[in-house]
Amino acid sequence: MLHKLFYYLFKYPFFKLQLGSIGAGSKLLQPTITGGKRIFIGKNVYVRKNTWLAADPVTGDANCKLIIGDGTYIGNNCHIYASSLIEIGRKVLIADKVYLSDNIHSYENINVPVIDQPVKQTNPVILKDGCWLGENVCVIGAVIGKNSVVGANSVVTKDIPDFCVAVGSPAKIIKRFNPSSGNWEKTNAEGEFIA
C-alpha cells in the first residue's frame, strides 16, 4: 500500500511533467525515457522495470511519436525506440525483452564502422489492439494485426495481418482465424489455409 501511495504522490506527477501525456491509472516502474514530451501513454498502462521508452528524431522527423494505448502491458527490459512513429494499440500484451524500432543502422559502407554510419528510417511500427508479442520478439518497421500473436524469439520485418499466429526468424504465419469455421486453422507461410 505504501508503494502505491509513494508512486501516485511522487512518481506519477514527475511522469506527468516529463511525458507528452500519461493517463490515469498508468504505472511505469523504473523506465529509461528519451524524448519524453513526444511519448503519449494512455490510461491503465503498466510498464515493468528497466524498459527504455524513446521518441528521438535521429532520422530527422521532427514529429516523431511513441503512442501507447489504454490497458497495454509492457514487460521488463523492453527497448521501444521511435525515430518517426511507433503506435501501440489498446490492450496489447508485450512480454519481457521485446525490441520495437522504426529505424536501423546503415552498414553499406564497408570502410566505415557500423556505429559511425547513419541511422536509416524504416516503416512505422504499429501494434494493433489486442495483439500479443512473446518474449524476445523483435519488430522492425512492421504492422502486427489486431489480436495477432507473435511467438517468442521471432523477428518481424513484414506486416502480420489481423487474427494470425506468426513465429520464427523471419516470422512466418502458421495459423489464422477462419471466420467461416470459427476456428484457428493452420496456414502456409503466406497465410493461406491448408486444406
C-alpha atoms as a PDB file:
ATOM      1  CA  MET A   1       0.000   0.000   0.000  1.00  0.00           C
ATOM      2  CA  LEU A   2       2.840   2.418   0.811  1.00  0.00           C
ATOM      3  CA  HIS A   3       4.466   1.688  -2.566  1.00  0.00           C
ATOM      4  CA  LYS A   4       1.246   2.642  -4.327  1.00  0.00           C
ATOM      5  CA  LEU A   5       0.891   5.815  -2.270  1.00  0.00           C
ATOM      6  CA  PHE A   6       4.528   6.767  -2.930  1.00  0.00           C
ATOM      7  CA  TYR A   7       4.083   6.154  -6.660  1.00  0.00           C
ATOM      8  CA  TYR A   8       0.974   8.316  -7.027  1.00  0.00           C
ATOM      9  CA  LEU A   9       2.255  11.098  -4.732  1.00  0.00           C
ATOM     10  CA  PHE A  10       5.770  11.407  -6.157  1.00  0.00           C
ATOM     11  CA  LYS A  11       6.493   9.402  -9.321  1.00  0.00           C
ATOM     12  CA  TYR A  12       3.222   9.895 -11.221  1.00  0.00           C
ATOM     13  CA  PRO A  13       3.418  13.731 -11.016  1.00  0.00           C
ATOM     14  CA  PHE A  14       7.032  13.505 -12.237  1.00  0.00           C
ATOM     15  CA  PHE A  15       5.953  11.435 -15.274  1.00  0.00           C
ATOM     16  CA  LYS A  16       3.123  13.925 -15.968  1.00  0.00           C
ATOM     17  CA  LEU A  17       5.777  16.632 -16.266  1.00  0.00           C
ATOM     18  CA  GLN A  18       8.259  14.532 -18.235  1.00  0.00           C
ATOM     19  CA  LEU A  19       5.913  12.926 -20.814  1.00  0.00           C
ATOM     20  CA  GLY A  20       3.666  14.323 -23.548  1.00  0.00           C
ATOM     21  CA  SER A  21       0.794  12.734 -21.604  1.00  0.00           C
ATOM     22  CA  ILE A  22       0.090   9.862 -19.217  1.00  0.00           C
ATOM     23  CA  GLY A  23      -3.405   8.584 -18.499  1.00  0.00           C
ATOM     24  CA  ALA A  24      -4.999   7.887 -15.144  1.00  0.00           C
ATOM     25  CA  GLY A  25      -4.075   4.586 -13.525  1.00  0.00           C
ATOM     26  CA  SER A  26      -0.897   4.102 -15.580  1.00  0.00           C
ATOM     27  CA  LYS A  27       2.202   2.842 -13.791  1.00  0.00           C
ATOM     28  CA  LEU A  28       5.809   2.921 -15.020  1.00  0.00           C
ATOM     29  CA  LEU A  29       8.415   1.060 -12.954  1.00  0.00           C
ATOM     30  CA  GLN A  30      11.929   2.462 -13.350  1.00  0.00           C
ATOM     31  CA  PRO A  31      11.871   3.201 -17.086  1.00  0.00           C
ATOM     32  CA  THR A  32      14.563   4.989 -19.036  1.00  0.00           C
ATOM     33  CA  ILE A  33      12.903   7.785 -21.008  1.00  0.00           C
ATOM     34  CA  THR A  34      14.341   9.633 -24.011  1.00  0.00           C
ATOM     35  CA  GLY A  35      12.312  12.395 -25.679  1.00  0.00           C
ATOM     36  CA  GLY A  36       9.571  12.242 -23.068  1.00  0.00           C
ATOM     37  CA  LYS A  37       7.478  15.100 -24.475  1.00  0.00           C
ATOM     38  CA  ARG A  38       6.998  13.001 -27.646  1.00  0.00           C
ATOM     39  CA  ILE A  39       5.714   9.986 -25.643  1.00  0.00           C
ATOM     40  CA  PHE A  40       1.956   9.645 -25.094  1.00  0.00           C
ATOM     41  CA  ILE A  41       0.692   6.968 -22.697  1.00  0.00           C
ATOM     42  CA  GLY A  42      -2.982   6.064 -22.311  1.00  0.00           C
ATOM     43  CA  LYS A  43      -4.945   5.014 -19.231  1.00  0.00           C
ATOM     44  CA  ASN A  44      -4.148   1.932 -17.147  1.00  0.00           C
ATOM     45  CA  VAL A  45      -0.871   1.179 -18.935  1.00  0.00           C
ATOM     46  CA  TYR A  46       1.642  -0.897 -16.981  1.00  0.00           C
ATOM     47  CA  VAL A  47       5.347  -0.759 -17.875  1.00  0.00           C
ATOM     48  CA  ARG A  48       7.652  -3.112 -15.948  1.00  0.00           C
ATOM     49  CA  LYS A  49      11.228  -2.409 -14.815  1.00  0.00           C
ATOM     50  CA  ASN A  50      14.182  -1.352 -16.957  1.00  0.00           C
ATOM     51  CA  THR A  51      12.224  -0.661 -20.130  1.00  0.00           C
ATOM     52  CA  TRP A  52      13.570   2.046 -22.447  1.00  0.00           C
ATOM     53  CA  LEU A  53      10.890   4.274 -23.983  1.00  0.00           C
ATOM     54  CA  ALA A  54      12.353   6.593 -26.615  1.00  0.00           C
ATOM     55  CA  ALA A  55      10.946   9.062 -29.131  1.00  0.00           C
ATOM     56  CA  ASP A  56      14.084  10.575 -30.601  1.00  0.00           C
ATOM     57  CA  PRO A  57      14.113  12.129 -34.099  1.00  0.00           C
ATOM     58  CA  VAL A  58      17.567  10.750 -35.026  1.00  0.00           C
ATOM     59  CA  THR A  59      16.456  10.409 -38.672  1.00  0.00           C
ATOM     60  CA  GLY A  60      15.171  13.987 -38.862  1.00  0.00           C
ATOM     61  CA  ASP A  61      11.418  13.527 -38.304  1.00  0.00           C
ATOM     62  CA  ALA A  62      10.531  16.463 -36.047  1.00  0.00           C
ATOM     63  CA  ASN A  63       7.057  14.951 -35.497  1.00  0.00           C
ATOM     64  CA  CYS A  64       8.322  11.655 -34.106  1.00  0.00           C
ATOM     65  CA  LYS A  65       5.998   9.992 -31.567  1.00  0.00           C
ATOM     66  CA  LEU A  66       5.655   6.958 -29.352  1.00  0.00           C
ATOM     67  CA  ILE A  67       1.993   6.289 -28.553  1.00  0.00           C
ATOM     68  CA  ILE A  68       0.884   3.585 -26.101  1.00  0.00           C
ATOM     69  CA  GLY A  69      -2.845   2.792 -25.937  1.00  0.00           C
ATOM     70  CA  ASP A  70      -5.080   2.208 -22.924  1.00  0.00           C
ATOM     71  CA  GLY A  71      -4.718  -1.000 -20.930  1.00  0.00           C
ATOM     72  CA  THR A  72      -1.435  -2.097 -22.516  1.00  0.00           C
ATOM     73  CA  TYR A  73       1.098  -4.173 -20.569  1.00  0.00           C
ATOM     74  CA  ILE A  74       4.844  -3.923 -21.341  1.00  0.00           C
ATOM     75  CA  GLY A  75       7.231  -6.380 -19.681  1.00  0.00           C
ATOM     76  CA  ASN A  76      10.693  -5.975 -18.168  1.00  0.00           C
ATOM     77  CA  ASN A  77      13.769  -4.927 -20.148  1.00  0.00           C
ATOM     78  CA  CYS A  78      11.958  -3.910 -23.335  1.00  0.00           C
ATOM     79  CA  HIS A  79      13.504  -1.488 -25.826  1.00  0.00           C
ATOM     80  CA  ILE A  80      10.986   0.683 -27.693  1.00  0.00           C
ATOM     81  CA  TYR A  81      12.694   3.286 -29.884  1.00  0.00           C
ATOM     82  CA  ALA A  82      10.720   5.543 -32.238  1.00  0.00           C
ATOM     83  CA  SER A  83      12.518   7.902 -34.600  1.00  0.00           C
ATOM     84  CA  SER A  84       9.307   8.601 -36.560  1.00  0.00           C
ATOM     85  CA  LEU A  85       6.296   6.611 -35.283  1.00  0.00           C
ATOM     86  CA  ILE A  86       5.626   3.648 -33.052  1.00  0.00           C
ATOM     87  CA  GLU A  87       1.960   3.235 -32.163  1.00  0.00           C
ATOM     88  CA  ILE A  88       0.906   0.542 -29.712  1.00  0.00           C
ATOM     89  CA  GLY A  89      -2.848  -0.058 -29.604  1.00  0.00           C
ATOM     90  CA  ARG A  90      -5.161  -0.788 -26.696  1.00  0.00           C
ATOM     91  CA  LYS A  91      -4.903  -3.927 -24.544  1.00  0.00           C
ATOM     92  CA  VAL A  92      -1.636  -5.027 -26.186  1.00  0.00           C
ATOM     93  CA  LEU A  93       0.442  -7.592 -24.282  1.00  0.00           C
ATOM     94  CA  ILE A  94       4.227  -7.255 -24.661  1.00  0.00           C
ATOM     95  CA  ALA A  95       6.386  -9.837 -22.873  1.00  0.00           C
ATOM     96  CA  ASP A  96       9.888  -9.263 -21.449  1.00  0.00           C
ATOM     97  CA  LYS A  97      12.875  -8.267 -23.597  1.00  0.00           C
ATOM     98  CA  VAL A  98      10.891  -7.190 -26.660  1.00  0.00           C
ATOM     99  CA  TYR A  99      12.558  -4.813 -29.163  1.00  0.00           C
ATOM    100  CA  LEU A 100      10.452  -2.401 -31.257  1.00  0.00           C
ATOM    101  CA  SER A 101      12.094   0.035 -33.665  1.00  0.00           C
ATOM    102  CA  ASP A 102      11.214   2.040 -36.755  1.00  0.00           C
ATOM    103  CA  ASN A 103      14.879   2.549 -37.696  1.00  0.00           C
ATOM    104  CA  ILE A 104      18.043   0.571 -38.401  1.00  0.00           C
ATOM    105  CA  HIS A 105      21.762   1.270 -38.591  1.00  0.00           C
ATOM    106  CA  SER A 106      23.285   1.629 -42.046  1.00  0.00           C
ATOM    107  CA  TYR A 107      26.028  -0.868 -42.838  1.00  0.00           C
ATOM    108  CA  GLU A 108      26.508  -0.416 -46.598  1.00  0.00           C
ATOM    109  CA  ASN A 109      29.917   1.287 -46.438  1.00  0.00           C
ATOM    110  CA  ILE A 110      32.451  -1.436 -45.633  1.00  0.00           C
ATOM    111  CA  ASN A 111      35.146   1.169 -44.932  1.00  0.00           C
ATOM    112  CA  VAL A 112      33.238   2.779 -42.052  1.00  0.00           C
ATOM    113  CA  PRO A 113      32.366   1.058 -38.768  1.00  0.00           C
ATOM    114  CA  VAL A 114      28.605   0.491 -38.449  1.00  0.00           C
ATOM    115  CA  ILE A 115      28.494   2.678 -35.327  1.00  0.00           C
ATOM    116  CA  ASP A 116      29.730   5.638 -37.421  1.00  0.00           C
ATOM    117  CA  GLN A 117      27.201   5.170 -40.244  1.00  0.00           C
ATOM    118  CA  PRO A 118      23.862   6.996 -40.267  1.00  0.00           C
ATOM    119  CA  VAL A 119      20.628   5.638 -38.847  1.00  0.00           C
ATOM    120  CA  LYS A 120      18.028   4.874 -41.555  1.00  0.00           C
ATOM    121  CA  GLN A 121      14.290   5.239 -41.206  1.00  0.00           C
ATOM    122  CA  THR A 122      12.134   2.153 -41.833  1.00  0.00           C
ATOM    123  CA  ASN A 123       8.344   1.942 -41.854  1.00  0.00           C
ATOM    124  CA  PRO A 124       6.398   2.824 -38.706  1.00  0.00           C
ATOM    125  CA  VAL A 125       5.780   0.084 -36.144  1.00  0.00           C
ATOM    126  CA  ILE A 126       2.065  -0.351 -35.483  1.00  0.00           C
ATOM    127  CA  LEU A 127       0.783  -2.888 -32.948  1.00  0.00           C
ATOM    128  CA  LYS A 128      -2.979  -3.104 -33.370  1.00  0.00           C
ATOM    129  CA  ASP A 129      -5.398  -3.602 -30.491  1.00  0.00           C
ATOM    130  CA  GLY A 130      -5.239  -6.861 -28.564  1.00  0.00           C
ATOM    131  CA  CYS A 131      -2.092  -8.341 -30.089  1.00  0.00           C
ATOM    132  CA  TRP A 132       0.471 -10.293 -28.053  1.00  0.00           C
ATOM    133  CA  LEU A 133       4.247 -10.338 -28.529  1.00  0.00           C
ATOM    134  CA  GLY A 134       6.088 -13.205 -26.826  1.00  0.00           C
ATOM    135  CA  GLU A 135       9.420 -12.943 -25.044  1.00  0.00           C
ATOM    136  CA  ASN A 136      12.454 -11.710 -27.038  1.00  0.00           C
ATOM    137  CA  VAL A 137      10.389 -10.693 -30.080  1.00  0.00           C
ATOM    138  CA  CYS A 138      11.967  -8.115 -32.407  1.00  0.00           C
ATOM    139  CA  VAL A 139       9.740  -5.936 -34.631  1.00  0.00           C
ATOM    140  CA  ILE A 140      11.370  -3.537 -37.088  1.00  0.00           C
ATOM    141  CA  GLY A 141       9.210  -1.405 -39.383  1.00  0.00           C
ATOM    142  CA  ALA A 142       6.126  -3.643 -39.452  1.00  0.00           C
ATOM    143  CA  VAL A 143       2.431  -3.776 -38.544  1.00  0.00           C
ATOM    144  CA  ILE A 144       1.135  -6.504 -36.228  1.00  0.00           C
ATOM    145  CA  GLY A 145      -2.571  -7.068 -36.809  1.00  0.00           C
ATOM    146  CA  LYS A 146      -5.457  -6.981 -34.372  1.00  0.00           C
ATOM    147  CA  ASN A 147      -5.471  -9.885 -31.865  1.00  0.00           C
ATOM    148  CA  SER A 148      -2.485 -11.474 -33.619  1.00  0.00           C
ATOM    149  CA  VAL A 149       0.166 -13.436 -31.722  1.00  0.00           C
ATOM    150  CA  VAL A 150       3.917 -13.380 -32.384  1.00  0.00           C
ATOM    151  CA  GLY A 151       5.748 -16.319 -30.799  1.00  0.00           C
ATOM    152  CA  ALA A 152       8.802 -15.979 -28.565  1.00  0.00           C
ATOM    153  CA  ASN A 153      12.176 -15.225 -30.208  1.00  0.00           C
ATOM    154  CA  SER A 154      10.580 -14.197 -33.520  1.00  0.00           C
ATOM    155  CA  VAL A 155      11.910 -11.430 -35.778  1.00  0.00           C
ATOM    156  CA  VAL A 156       9.220  -9.471 -37.639  1.00  0.00           C
ATOM    157  CA  THR A 157      10.196  -7.263 -40.590  1.00  0.00           C
ATOM    158  CA  LYS A 158       6.997  -7.679 -42.666  1.00  0.00           C
ATOM    159  CA  ASP A 159       3.389  -6.945 -41.772  1.00  0.00           C
ATOM    160  CA  ILE A 160       1.334  -9.619 -39.986  1.00  0.00           C
ATOM    161  CA  PRO A 161      -2.428  -9.385 -40.755  1.00  0.00           C
ATOM    162  CA  ASP A 162      -5.225  -9.396 -38.170  1.00  0.00           C
ATOM    163  CA  PHE A 163      -6.027 -12.639 -36.321  1.00  0.00           C
ATOM    164  CA  CYS A 164      -2.814 -14.537 -37.159  1.00  0.00           C
ATOM    165  CA  VAL A 165      -0.167 -16.508 -35.277  1.00  0.00           C
ATOM    166  CA  ALA A 166       3.382 -15.960 -36.575  1.00  0.00           C
ATOM    167  CA  VAL A 167       6.670 -17.485 -35.423  1.00  0.00           C
ATOM    168  CA  GLY A 168      10.297 -17.704 -36.484  1.00  0.00           C
ATOM    169  CA  SER A 169      13.155 -15.633 -37.767  1.00  0.00           C
ATOM    170  CA  PRO A 170      11.969 -14.228 -40.073  1.00  0.00           C
ATOM    171  CA  ALA A 171       8.435 -14.580 -38.687  1.00  0.00           C
ATOM    172  CA  LYS A 172       6.024 -16.564 -40.834  1.00  0.00           C
ATOM    173  CA  ILE A 173       2.290 -17.067 -40.367  1.00  0.00           C
ATOM    174  CA  ILE A 174       1.438 -20.578 -39.126  1.00  0.00           C
ATOM    175  CA  LYS A 175      -2.210 -20.119 -38.071  1.00  0.00           C
ATOM    176  CA  ARG A 176      -5.036 -17.767 -38.838  1.00  0.00           C
ATOM    177  CA  PHE A 177      -8.582 -17.367 -37.577  1.00  0.00           C
ATOM    178  CA  ASN A 178     -11.060 -18.693 -40.135  1.00  0.00           C
ATOM    179  CA  PRO A 179     -14.343 -16.769 -39.816  1.00  0.00           C
ATOM    180  CA  SER A 180     -16.157 -19.460 -41.852  1.00  0.00           C
ATOM    181  CA  SER A 181     -15.394 -22.238 -39.352  1.00  0.00           C
ATOM    182  CA  GLY A 182     -14.951 -20.045 -36.277  1.00  0.00           C
ATOM    183  CA  ASN A 183     -11.619 -21.781 -35.544  1.00  0.00           C
ATOM    184  CA  TRP A 184      -7.903 -21.033 -35.609  1.00  0.00           C
ATOM    185  CA  GLU A 185      -6.538 -23.103 -38.506  1.00  0.00           C
ATOM    186  CA  LYS A 186      -3.085 -23.935 -39.861  1.00  0.00           C
ATOM    187  CA  THR A 187      -1.836 -21.989 -42.859  1.00  0.00           C
ATOM    188  CA  ASN A 188       1.090 -21.963 -45.233  1.00  0.00           C
ATOM    189  CA  ALA A 189       3.704 -19.188 -44.876  1.00  0.00           C
ATOM    190  CA  GLU A 190       1.577 -16.824 -46.999  1.00  0.00           C
ATOM    191  CA  GLY A 191      -1.352 -17.211 -44.594  1.00  0.00           C
ATOM    192  CA  GLU A 192      -3.472 -19.386 -46.917  1.00  0.00           C
ATOM    193  CA  PHE A 193      -5.421 -22.130 -45.163  1.00  0.00           C
ATOM    194  CA  ILE A 194      -4.068 -25.651 -45.588  1.00  0.00           C
ATOM    195  CA  ALA A 195      -6.804 -27.991 -46.819  1.00  0.00           C
END
